[in-house]
Amino acid sequence: MNLLKTKSVLAALILPLLAACSSMTPLKPVSEVDLDRFMGDWYVIANIPTRIEKGAHNAIESYRLNGDGTIATTFTFRDGGFDGEKKAYHPRGFVSEQSNAVWGMQFVWPFKADYRIVWLDRDYAVTVIGRNKRDYVWIMAREPQIADDTYNEIIDYLDSVGYDTAQVQKVPQQW
C-alpha cells in the first residue's frame, strides 16, 4: 500500500511539470533572413540580460559574415555606466536552418546557445532575438532608439509567445 501511495504522490508532482514542459512550443523564427542585409551593427535597445550584460550601457552587437558561412560576432558595451570600462565579447554564430533565422551562438567551444531571429521588420531596422527557453531576449535596432509604439508592439508579441515581459529591461544608450 505504501508503494502505491508513493507512486501516486510522485505522479501528482511530476505530471504537472511534464505538462508545463510539453506546453512550451518552440519559438517560431521569422520565415527568412537575408544574411547580407542582417550583417552590421545593432544597438541593444532592451533585453532580459545574461549575467555579463547586467549593467551594460551603450551595448552594440555587430555581425560579419565569414567566408565559411559562420558569423563573426562582436558584442561591446560600457560596464556599469556610460563612462564604465569597455567590454568586448566575440562569440561565433553558426546558421543552422535554411531560413537563416536559427543560429547556434558559441561563446565557449563546443557549446552553442539557441539564438532565433523571431522579429525582423521589412527594412532590417528592428529585430528581436529570442530563445526557445524564453529565458533571454534581445530587442535590437540600427539606431540607438526605437519608437515607443514599436517597442510596445514587440513587448506585446513577447508576452504572447510566453516571455515574462516584466524581466525585459531597457539598455541605456547615449551617443
N, C-alpha and C. Protein backbone atom coordinates (compact mmCIF):
# COMPACT_ATOMS: atom_id res chain seq x y z
N MET A 1 0.82 -1.20 0.00
CA MET A 1 0.00 0.00 0.00
C MET A 1 0.86 1.26 0.00
N ASN A 2 1.97 1.27 0.76
CA ASN A 2 2.85 2.42 0.78
C ASN A 2 3.45 2.71 -0.59
N LEU A 3 3.81 1.66 -1.32
CA LEU A 3 4.38 1.82 -2.65
C LEU A 3 3.38 2.49 -3.59
N LEU A 4 2.14 2.07 -3.52
CA LEU A 4 1.10 2.66 -4.35
C LEU A 4 0.88 4.13 -4.00
N LYS A 5 0.89 4.44 -2.72
CA LYS A 5 0.72 5.82 -2.27
C LYS A 5 1.90 6.68 -2.74
N THR A 6 3.13 6.15 -2.64
CA THR A 6 4.32 6.86 -3.09
C THR A 6 4.25 7.15 -4.58
N LYS A 7 3.84 6.16 -5.36
CA LYS A 7 3.71 6.36 -6.81
C LYS A 7 2.67 7.42 -7.13
N SER A 8 1.59 7.43 -6.40
CA SER A 8 0.53 8.42 -6.62
C SER A 8 1.03 9.83 -6.32
N VAL A 9 1.77 9.96 -5.23
CA VAL A 9 2.32 11.27 -4.87
C VAL A 9 3.32 11.73 -5.91
N LEU A 10 4.20 10.84 -6.35
CA LEU A 10 5.17 11.19 -7.39
C LEU A 10 4.47 11.60 -8.68
N ALA A 11 3.46 10.86 -9.07
CA ALA A 11 2.71 11.19 -10.30
C ALA A 11 2.06 12.56 -10.16
N ALA A 12 1.51 12.84 -8.99
CA ALA A 12 0.86 14.14 -8.75
C ALA A 12 1.86 15.29 -8.85
N LEU A 13 3.09 15.05 -8.48
CA LEU A 13 4.12 16.08 -8.55
C LEU A 13 4.74 16.21 -9.94
N ILE A 14 4.94 15.10 -10.61
CA ILE A 14 5.66 15.09 -11.88
C ILE A 14 4.76 15.44 -13.06
N LEU A 15 3.54 14.97 -13.09
CA LEU A 15 2.67 15.21 -14.24
C LEU A 15 2.46 16.69 -14.56
N PRO A 16 2.22 17.56 -13.57
CA PRO A 16 2.09 18.98 -13.92
C PRO A 16 3.37 19.56 -14.51
N LEU A 17 4.52 19.11 -14.03
CA LEU A 17 5.78 19.58 -14.60
C LEU A 17 5.94 19.14 -16.04
N LEU A 18 5.62 17.90 -16.33
CA LEU A 18 5.70 17.40 -17.70
C LEU A 18 4.72 18.14 -18.60
N ALA A 19 3.54 18.40 -18.10
CA ALA A 19 2.55 19.13 -18.89
C ALA A 19 3.04 20.54 -19.20
N ALA A 20 3.67 21.18 -18.22
CA ALA A 20 4.20 22.53 -18.44
C ALA A 20 5.30 22.52 -19.48
N CYS A 21 6.16 21.53 -19.42
CA CYS A 21 7.25 21.43 -20.40
C CYS A 21 6.71 21.18 -21.80
N SER A 22 5.73 20.32 -21.92
CA SER A 22 5.22 19.99 -23.24
C SER A 22 4.39 21.12 -23.83
N SER A 23 3.85 22.03 -22.98
CA SER A 23 3.05 23.13 -23.49
C SER A 23 3.92 24.26 -24.02
N MET A 24 5.22 24.24 -23.77
CA MET A 24 6.12 25.26 -24.26
C MET A 24 6.49 24.92 -25.70
N THR A 25 5.78 25.53 -26.62
CA THR A 25 6.03 25.25 -28.03
C THR A 25 7.32 25.94 -28.46
N PRO A 26 7.98 25.39 -29.46
CA PRO A 26 9.20 26.05 -29.96
C PRO A 26 8.89 27.48 -30.40
N LEU A 27 9.80 28.37 -30.14
CA LEU A 27 9.67 29.76 -30.54
C LEU A 27 9.89 29.86 -32.04
N LYS A 28 8.88 30.30 -32.75
CA LYS A 28 8.92 30.32 -34.21
C LYS A 28 9.79 31.46 -34.73
N PRO A 29 10.82 31.14 -35.52
CA PRO A 29 11.64 32.19 -36.11
C PRO A 29 10.91 32.84 -37.29
N VAL A 30 11.44 33.96 -37.75
CA VAL A 30 10.90 34.58 -38.96
C VAL A 30 11.11 33.62 -40.12
N SER A 31 10.37 33.82 -41.20
CA SER A 31 10.40 32.85 -42.30
C SER A 31 11.70 32.89 -43.10
N GLU A 32 12.36 34.04 -43.16
CA GLU A 32 13.61 34.12 -43.93
C GLU A 32 14.41 35.35 -43.53
N VAL A 33 15.74 35.18 -43.53
CA VAL A 33 16.66 36.28 -43.22
C VAL A 33 17.69 36.36 -44.33
N ASP A 34 17.83 37.55 -44.92
CA ASP A 34 18.89 37.82 -45.89
C ASP A 34 20.12 38.16 -45.05
N LEU A 35 21.06 37.22 -44.96
CA LEU A 35 22.21 37.41 -44.08
C LEU A 35 23.02 38.66 -44.42
N ASP A 36 23.18 38.95 -45.70
CA ASP A 36 23.95 40.14 -46.08
C ASP A 36 23.31 41.41 -45.52
N ARG A 37 21.98 41.49 -45.57
CA ARG A 37 21.28 42.66 -45.03
C ARG A 37 21.32 42.68 -43.51
N PHE A 38 21.35 41.51 -42.89
CA PHE A 38 21.33 41.43 -41.43
C PHE A 38 22.68 41.80 -40.80
N MET A 39 23.74 41.64 -41.55
CA MET A 39 25.08 41.93 -41.02
C MET A 39 25.20 43.41 -40.69
N GLY A 40 26.13 43.72 -39.79
CA GLY A 40 26.37 45.10 -39.38
C GLY A 40 26.10 45.30 -37.91
N ASP A 41 25.95 46.56 -37.53
CA ASP A 41 25.78 46.94 -36.13
C ASP A 41 24.30 46.99 -35.76
N TRP A 42 24.01 46.49 -34.56
CA TRP A 42 22.68 46.55 -33.96
C TRP A 42 22.82 47.08 -32.53
N TYR A 43 22.14 48.18 -32.22
CA TYR A 43 22.09 48.70 -30.85
C TYR A 43 21.13 47.83 -30.05
N VAL A 44 21.54 47.44 -28.86
CA VAL A 44 20.67 46.66 -27.99
C VAL A 44 19.76 47.66 -27.26
N ILE A 45 18.49 47.63 -27.62
CA ILE A 45 17.51 48.57 -27.07
C ILE A 45 17.01 48.08 -25.71
N ALA A 46 16.76 46.78 -25.61
CA ALA A 46 16.27 46.18 -24.37
C ALA A 46 16.58 44.69 -24.41
N ASN A 47 16.56 44.07 -23.22
CA ASN A 47 16.83 42.63 -23.15
C ASN A 47 16.37 42.06 -21.82
N ILE A 48 16.35 40.76 -21.77
CA ILE A 48 16.40 40.07 -20.49
C ILE A 48 17.88 39.70 -20.39
N PRO A 49 18.62 40.39 -19.56
CA PRO A 49 20.08 40.30 -19.63
C PRO A 49 20.65 38.98 -19.11
N THR A 50 21.72 38.57 -19.78
CA THR A 50 22.53 37.47 -19.26
C THR A 50 23.38 38.04 -18.13
N ARG A 51 24.10 37.17 -17.47
CA ARG A 51 24.96 37.61 -16.35
C ARG A 51 25.94 38.70 -16.79
N ILE A 52 26.55 38.54 -17.94
CA ILE A 52 27.57 39.51 -18.37
C ILE A 52 26.95 40.84 -18.84
N GLU A 53 25.66 40.85 -19.14
CA GLU A 53 25.02 42.06 -19.66
C GLU A 53 24.42 42.96 -18.58
N LYS A 54 24.36 42.47 -17.36
CA LYS A 54 23.75 43.29 -16.30
C LYS A 54 24.59 44.55 -16.09
N GLY A 55 23.94 45.70 -16.16
CA GLY A 55 24.63 46.98 -16.01
C GLY A 55 25.24 47.50 -17.29
N ALA A 56 24.97 46.86 -18.42
CA ALA A 56 25.55 47.29 -19.70
C ALA A 56 24.93 48.61 -20.16
N HIS A 57 25.77 49.48 -20.67
CA HIS A 57 25.37 50.74 -21.29
C HIS A 57 25.98 50.78 -22.70
N ASN A 58 25.29 51.44 -23.61
CA ASN A 58 25.77 51.57 -25.00
C ASN A 58 26.14 50.21 -25.60
N ALA A 59 25.28 49.24 -25.40
CA ALA A 59 25.53 47.89 -25.92
C ALA A 59 25.27 47.82 -27.42
N ILE A 60 26.20 47.22 -28.12
CA ILE A 60 26.08 47.03 -29.58
C ILE A 60 26.50 45.61 -29.91
N GLU A 61 25.70 44.97 -30.75
CA GLU A 61 26.01 43.64 -31.28
C GLU A 61 26.33 43.84 -32.76
N SER A 62 27.51 43.39 -33.19
CA SER A 62 27.93 43.55 -34.59
C SER A 62 28.15 42.18 -35.21
N TYR A 63 27.67 42.03 -36.44
CA TYR A 63 27.79 40.75 -37.15
C TYR A 63 28.54 40.95 -38.47
N ARG A 64 29.38 39.97 -38.77
CA ARG A 64 30.10 39.93 -40.05
C ARG A 64 30.08 38.50 -40.56
N LEU A 65 29.69 38.33 -41.81
CA LEU A 65 29.62 37.00 -42.42
C LEU A 65 31.01 36.56 -42.85
N ASN A 66 31.46 35.43 -42.33
CA ASN A 66 32.75 34.86 -42.70
C ASN A 66 32.62 34.06 -44.00
N GLY A 67 33.73 33.84 -44.66
CA GLY A 67 33.75 33.07 -45.89
C GLY A 67 33.26 31.64 -45.72
N ASP A 68 33.38 31.08 -44.52
CA ASP A 68 32.94 29.71 -44.29
C ASP A 68 31.46 29.63 -43.88
N GLY A 69 30.76 30.76 -43.91
CA GLY A 69 29.34 30.78 -43.58
C GLY A 69 29.03 31.03 -42.12
N THR A 70 30.06 31.08 -41.27
CA THR A 70 29.83 31.40 -39.86
C THR A 70 29.70 32.91 -39.70
N ILE A 71 29.22 33.32 -38.55
CA ILE A 71 29.01 34.74 -38.27
C ILE A 71 30.00 35.19 -37.20
N ALA A 72 30.90 36.11 -37.58
CA ALA A 72 31.80 36.72 -36.61
C ALA A 72 30.99 37.76 -35.85
N THR A 73 30.95 37.62 -34.54
CA THR A 73 30.12 38.49 -33.72
C THR A 73 31.00 39.24 -32.73
N THR A 74 30.72 40.53 -32.58
CA THR A 74 31.39 41.33 -31.57
C THR A 74 30.32 42.02 -30.75
N PHE A 75 30.31 41.76 -29.46
CA PHE A 75 29.37 42.39 -28.54
C PHE A 75 30.17 43.32 -27.65
N THR A 76 29.89 44.63 -27.72
CA THR A 76 30.61 45.61 -26.92
C THR A 76 29.62 46.41 -26.07
N PHE A 77 30.10 46.87 -24.93
CA PHE A 77 29.30 47.73 -24.06
C PHE A 77 30.21 48.38 -23.03
N ARG A 78 29.66 49.38 -22.36
CA ARG A 78 30.32 50.01 -21.22
C ARG A 78 29.72 49.40 -19.96
N ASP A 79 30.58 48.97 -19.05
CA ASP A 79 30.14 48.26 -17.86
C ASP A 79 29.77 49.23 -16.73
N GLY A 80 28.49 49.22 -16.34
CA GLY A 80 28.04 49.97 -15.18
C GLY A 80 27.73 51.43 -15.41
N GLY A 81 28.03 51.97 -16.57
CA GLY A 81 27.73 53.37 -16.86
C GLY A 81 28.32 53.77 -18.18
N PHE A 82 27.97 54.97 -18.63
CA PHE A 82 28.45 55.43 -19.94
C PHE A 82 29.96 55.65 -19.96
N ASP A 83 30.55 55.87 -18.78
CA ASP A 83 32.00 56.03 -18.68
C ASP A 83 32.67 54.78 -18.14
N GLY A 84 31.91 53.71 -18.00
CA GLY A 84 32.45 52.47 -17.45
C GLY A 84 33.45 51.80 -18.38
N GLU A 85 34.09 50.79 -17.85
CA GLU A 85 35.08 50.03 -18.63
C GLU A 85 34.42 49.44 -19.87
N LYS A 86 35.11 49.57 -21.01
CA LYS A 86 34.59 48.99 -22.25
C LYS A 86 34.88 47.49 -22.25
N LYS A 87 33.83 46.71 -22.49
CA LYS A 87 33.94 45.26 -22.55
C LYS A 87 33.63 44.80 -23.97
N ALA A 88 34.26 43.71 -24.37
CA ALA A 88 34.00 43.15 -25.71
C ALA A 88 34.04 41.62 -25.62
N TYR A 89 33.08 41.00 -26.27
CA TYR A 89 33.00 39.55 -26.37
C TYR A 89 32.87 39.19 -27.84
N HIS A 90 33.41 38.01 -28.20
CA HIS A 90 33.47 37.62 -29.61
C HIS A 90 32.95 36.20 -29.84
N PRO A 91 31.64 35.99 -29.62
CA PRO A 91 31.10 34.66 -29.93
C PRO A 91 31.04 34.46 -31.44
N ARG A 92 30.81 33.23 -31.82
CA ARG A 92 30.71 32.88 -33.24
C ARG A 92 29.33 32.29 -33.49
N GLY A 93 28.69 32.75 -34.56
CA GLY A 93 27.37 32.25 -34.91
C GLY A 93 27.45 31.19 -35.99
N PHE A 94 26.61 30.18 -35.86
CA PHE A 94 26.52 29.09 -36.83
C PHE A 94 25.08 29.01 -37.31
N VAL A 95 24.84 29.37 -38.55
CA VAL A 95 23.49 29.33 -39.11
C VAL A 95 23.08 27.87 -39.22
N SER A 96 21.89 27.54 -38.67
CA SER A 96 21.52 26.13 -38.60
C SER A 96 20.22 25.80 -39.33
N GLU A 97 19.64 26.74 -40.05
CA GLU A 97 18.43 26.47 -40.81
C GLU A 97 18.51 27.18 -42.15
N GLN A 98 17.84 26.63 -43.14
CA GLN A 98 17.84 27.24 -44.48
C GLN A 98 17.26 28.64 -44.47
N SER A 99 16.38 28.93 -43.54
CA SER A 99 15.78 30.26 -43.47
C SER A 99 16.78 31.31 -42.98
N ASN A 100 17.92 30.86 -42.46
CA ASN A 100 18.96 31.71 -41.87
C ASN A 100 18.50 32.39 -40.58
N ALA A 101 17.37 31.97 -40.01
CA ALA A 101 16.82 32.63 -38.84
C ALA A 101 17.11 31.91 -37.53
N VAL A 102 17.70 30.72 -37.58
CA VAL A 102 18.06 30.00 -36.37
C VAL A 102 19.56 29.77 -36.38
N TRP A 103 20.21 30.23 -35.33
CA TRP A 103 21.66 30.12 -35.22
C TRP A 103 22.01 29.39 -33.93
N GLY A 104 23.21 28.83 -33.91
CA GLY A 104 23.83 28.39 -32.68
C GLY A 104 24.91 29.42 -32.37
N MET A 105 24.85 30.06 -31.22
CA MET A 105 25.82 31.09 -30.86
C MET A 105 26.80 30.47 -29.87
N GLN A 106 28.07 30.45 -30.27
CA GLN A 106 29.09 29.76 -29.49
C GLN A 106 30.00 30.75 -28.78
N PHE A 107 29.87 30.78 -27.45
CA PHE A 107 30.76 31.59 -26.61
C PHE A 107 31.94 30.75 -26.15
N VAL A 108 31.65 29.48 -25.86
CA VAL A 108 32.67 28.54 -25.38
C VAL A 108 32.50 27.24 -26.15
N TRP A 109 33.58 26.76 -26.77
CA TRP A 109 33.54 25.51 -27.51
C TRP A 109 33.33 24.37 -26.53
N PRO A 110 32.53 23.39 -26.81
CA PRO A 110 31.77 23.10 -28.03
C PRO A 110 30.31 23.50 -27.93
N PHE A 111 29.95 24.31 -26.93
CA PHE A 111 28.54 24.61 -26.66
C PHE A 111 28.02 25.71 -27.56
N LYS A 112 26.80 25.51 -28.08
CA LYS A 112 26.14 26.50 -28.92
C LYS A 112 24.78 26.82 -28.32
N ALA A 113 24.57 28.10 -28.04
CA ALA A 113 23.30 28.54 -27.46
C ALA A 113 22.27 28.77 -28.56
N ASP A 114 21.03 28.45 -28.26
CA ASP A 114 19.90 28.68 -29.15
C ASP A 114 19.73 30.18 -29.36
N TYR A 115 19.65 30.60 -30.62
CA TYR A 115 19.58 32.00 -30.99
C TYR A 115 18.63 32.08 -32.18
N ARG A 116 17.46 32.69 -32.00
CA ARG A 116 16.42 32.70 -33.03
C ARG A 116 16.01 34.13 -33.36
N ILE A 117 16.05 34.44 -34.63
CA ILE A 117 15.56 35.75 -35.07
C ILE A 117 14.04 35.60 -35.19
N VAL A 118 13.32 36.18 -34.23
CA VAL A 118 11.88 35.97 -34.14
C VAL A 118 11.07 37.18 -34.58
N TRP A 119 11.74 38.27 -34.81
CA TRP A 119 11.08 39.51 -35.26
C TRP A 119 12.09 40.24 -36.13
N LEU A 120 11.68 40.64 -37.30
CA LEU A 120 12.55 41.40 -38.18
C LEU A 120 11.67 42.23 -39.09
N ASP A 121 11.82 43.55 -38.97
CA ASP A 121 10.97 44.38 -39.82
C ASP A 121 11.47 44.37 -41.26
N ARG A 122 10.62 44.81 -42.15
CA ARG A 122 10.89 44.77 -43.59
C ARG A 122 12.18 45.50 -43.98
N ASP A 123 12.48 46.57 -43.26
CA ASP A 123 13.65 47.39 -43.58
C ASP A 123 14.93 46.93 -42.90
N TYR A 124 14.86 45.84 -42.14
CA TYR A 124 16.01 45.35 -41.38
C TYR A 124 16.53 46.44 -40.44
N ALA A 125 15.58 47.18 -39.84
CA ALA A 125 15.93 48.26 -38.92
C ALA A 125 15.70 47.87 -37.46
N VAL A 126 14.79 46.91 -37.21
CA VAL A 126 14.49 46.45 -35.86
C VAL A 126 14.39 44.93 -35.89
N THR A 127 15.00 44.30 -34.90
CA THR A 127 14.95 42.84 -34.81
C THR A 127 14.80 42.41 -33.36
N VAL A 128 14.34 41.19 -33.18
CA VAL A 128 14.27 40.59 -31.85
C VAL A 128 14.87 39.20 -31.94
N ILE A 129 15.78 38.92 -31.04
CA ILE A 129 16.42 37.62 -30.94
C ILE A 129 15.87 36.95 -29.68
N GLY A 130 15.38 35.73 -29.84
CA GLY A 130 14.83 35.01 -28.71
C GLY A 130 15.42 33.62 -28.59
N ARG A 131 14.96 32.92 -27.57
CA ARG A 131 15.40 31.55 -27.32
C ARG A 131 14.18 30.70 -26.97
N ASN A 132 14.23 29.41 -27.34
CA ASN A 132 13.13 28.51 -27.03
C ASN A 132 12.80 28.49 -25.55
N LYS A 133 13.81 28.61 -24.70
CA LYS A 133 13.59 28.57 -23.25
C LYS A 133 12.88 29.81 -22.72
N ARG A 134 12.81 30.86 -23.52
CA ARG A 134 12.22 32.13 -23.11
C ARG A 134 12.93 32.72 -21.89
N ASP A 135 14.23 32.41 -21.77
CA ASP A 135 15.00 32.93 -20.64
C ASP A 135 15.70 34.24 -20.96
N TYR A 136 16.11 34.43 -22.19
CA TYR A 136 16.78 35.66 -22.62
C TYR A 136 16.12 36.15 -23.90
N VAL A 137 16.20 37.47 -24.10
CA VAL A 137 15.70 38.07 -25.33
C VAL A 137 16.47 39.37 -25.55
N TRP A 138 16.60 39.73 -26.83
CA TRP A 138 17.28 40.97 -27.18
C TRP A 138 16.45 41.71 -28.22
N ILE A 139 16.09 42.94 -27.91
CA ILE A 139 15.43 43.83 -28.85
C ILE A 139 16.53 44.75 -29.37
N MET A 140 16.74 44.74 -30.69
CA MET A 140 17.86 45.50 -31.24
C MET A 140 17.40 46.33 -32.45
N ALA A 141 18.14 47.40 -32.72
CA ALA A 141 17.80 48.29 -33.83
C ALA A 141 19.08 48.87 -34.43
N ARG A 142 18.94 49.37 -35.63
CA ARG A 142 20.07 50.00 -36.31
C ARG A 142 20.38 51.37 -35.73
N GLU A 143 19.44 51.96 -35.02
CA GLU A 143 19.61 53.25 -34.36
C GLU A 143 19.53 53.03 -32.85
N PRO A 144 20.06 53.96 -32.04
CA PRO A 144 20.07 53.76 -30.58
C PRO A 144 18.70 53.82 -29.90
N GLN A 145 17.66 54.25 -30.60
CA GLN A 145 16.32 54.28 -30.04
C GLN A 145 15.33 53.77 -31.08
N ILE A 146 14.17 53.31 -30.57
CA ILE A 146 13.07 52.96 -31.46
C ILE A 146 11.82 53.67 -30.96
N ALA A 147 10.82 53.79 -31.82
CA ALA A 147 9.57 54.44 -31.45
C ALA A 147 8.88 53.66 -30.33
N ASP A 148 8.22 54.38 -29.45
CA ASP A 148 7.51 53.74 -28.33
C ASP A 148 6.47 52.74 -28.82
N ASP A 149 5.75 53.08 -29.89
CA ASP A 149 4.71 52.16 -30.37
C ASP A 149 5.33 50.86 -30.90
N THR A 150 6.50 50.93 -31.52
CA THR A 150 7.20 49.72 -31.98
C THR A 150 7.65 48.90 -30.78
N TYR A 151 8.23 49.57 -29.78
CA TYR A 151 8.67 48.87 -28.57
C TYR A 151 7.49 48.17 -27.91
N ASN A 152 6.38 48.87 -27.75
CA ASN A 152 5.21 48.28 -27.10
C ASN A 152 4.64 47.12 -27.90
N GLU A 153 4.67 47.21 -29.23
CA GLU A 153 4.22 46.11 -30.08
C GLU A 153 5.10 44.87 -29.86
N ILE A 154 6.40 45.09 -29.75
CA ILE A 154 7.33 43.97 -29.52
C ILE A 154 7.08 43.35 -28.14
N ILE A 155 6.89 44.18 -27.13
CA ILE A 155 6.62 43.67 -25.78
C ILE A 155 5.34 42.84 -25.79
N ASP A 156 4.30 43.31 -26.47
CA ASP A 156 3.06 42.54 -26.57
C ASP A 156 3.30 41.21 -27.27
N TYR A 157 4.10 41.24 -28.34
CA TYR A 157 4.43 40.00 -29.05
C TYR A 157 5.16 39.03 -28.11
N LEU A 158 6.16 39.52 -27.40
CA LEU A 158 6.93 38.66 -26.49
C LEU A 158 6.03 38.04 -25.42
N ASP A 159 5.11 38.83 -24.91
CA ASP A 159 4.15 38.31 -23.93
C ASP A 159 3.30 37.20 -24.56
N SER A 160 2.90 37.38 -25.81
CA SER A 160 2.03 36.40 -26.47
C SER A 160 2.73 35.07 -26.75
N VAL A 161 4.07 35.09 -26.83
CA VAL A 161 4.80 33.84 -27.10
C VAL A 161 5.41 33.23 -25.84
N GLY A 162 5.04 33.76 -24.67
CA GLY A 162 5.43 33.11 -23.43
C GLY A 162 6.57 33.72 -22.64
N TYR A 163 7.04 34.89 -23.03
CA TYR A 163 8.08 35.56 -22.24
C TYR A 163 7.48 36.26 -21.04
N ASP A 164 8.23 36.33 -19.94
CA ASP A 164 7.86 37.13 -18.80
C ASP A 164 8.39 38.54 -19.08
N THR A 165 7.54 39.38 -19.64
CA THR A 165 7.99 40.70 -20.10
C THR A 165 8.34 41.64 -18.95
N ALA A 166 7.97 41.29 -17.73
CA ALA A 166 8.38 42.10 -16.58
C ALA A 166 9.90 42.05 -16.40
N GLN A 167 10.55 41.04 -16.96
CA GLN A 167 12.00 40.91 -16.85
C GLN A 167 12.76 41.71 -17.92
N VAL A 168 12.06 42.18 -18.95
CA VAL A 168 12.72 42.94 -20.02
C VAL A 168 13.15 44.30 -19.48
N GLN A 169 14.42 44.63 -19.72
CA GLN A 169 14.98 45.89 -19.24
C GLN A 169 15.54 46.69 -20.42
N LYS A 170 15.27 47.98 -20.42
CA LYS A 170 15.85 48.84 -21.45
C LYS A 170 17.34 48.98 -21.17
N VAL A 171 18.12 49.01 -22.23
CA VAL A 171 19.57 49.19 -22.13
C VAL A 171 19.87 50.66 -22.40
N PRO A 172 20.50 51.36 -21.45
CA PRO A 172 20.79 52.77 -21.68
C PRO A 172 21.70 52.98 -22.89
N GLN A 173 21.26 53.87 -23.77
CA GLN A 173 22.02 54.25 -24.96
C GLN A 173 22.18 55.76 -24.97
N GLN A 174 23.40 56.24 -25.01
CA GLN A 174 23.67 57.69 -25.06
C GLN A 174 24.88 57.91 -25.95
N TRP A 175 24.63 58.50 -27.09
CA TRP A 175 25.70 58.69 -28.08
C TRP A 175 25.84 60.14 -28.43
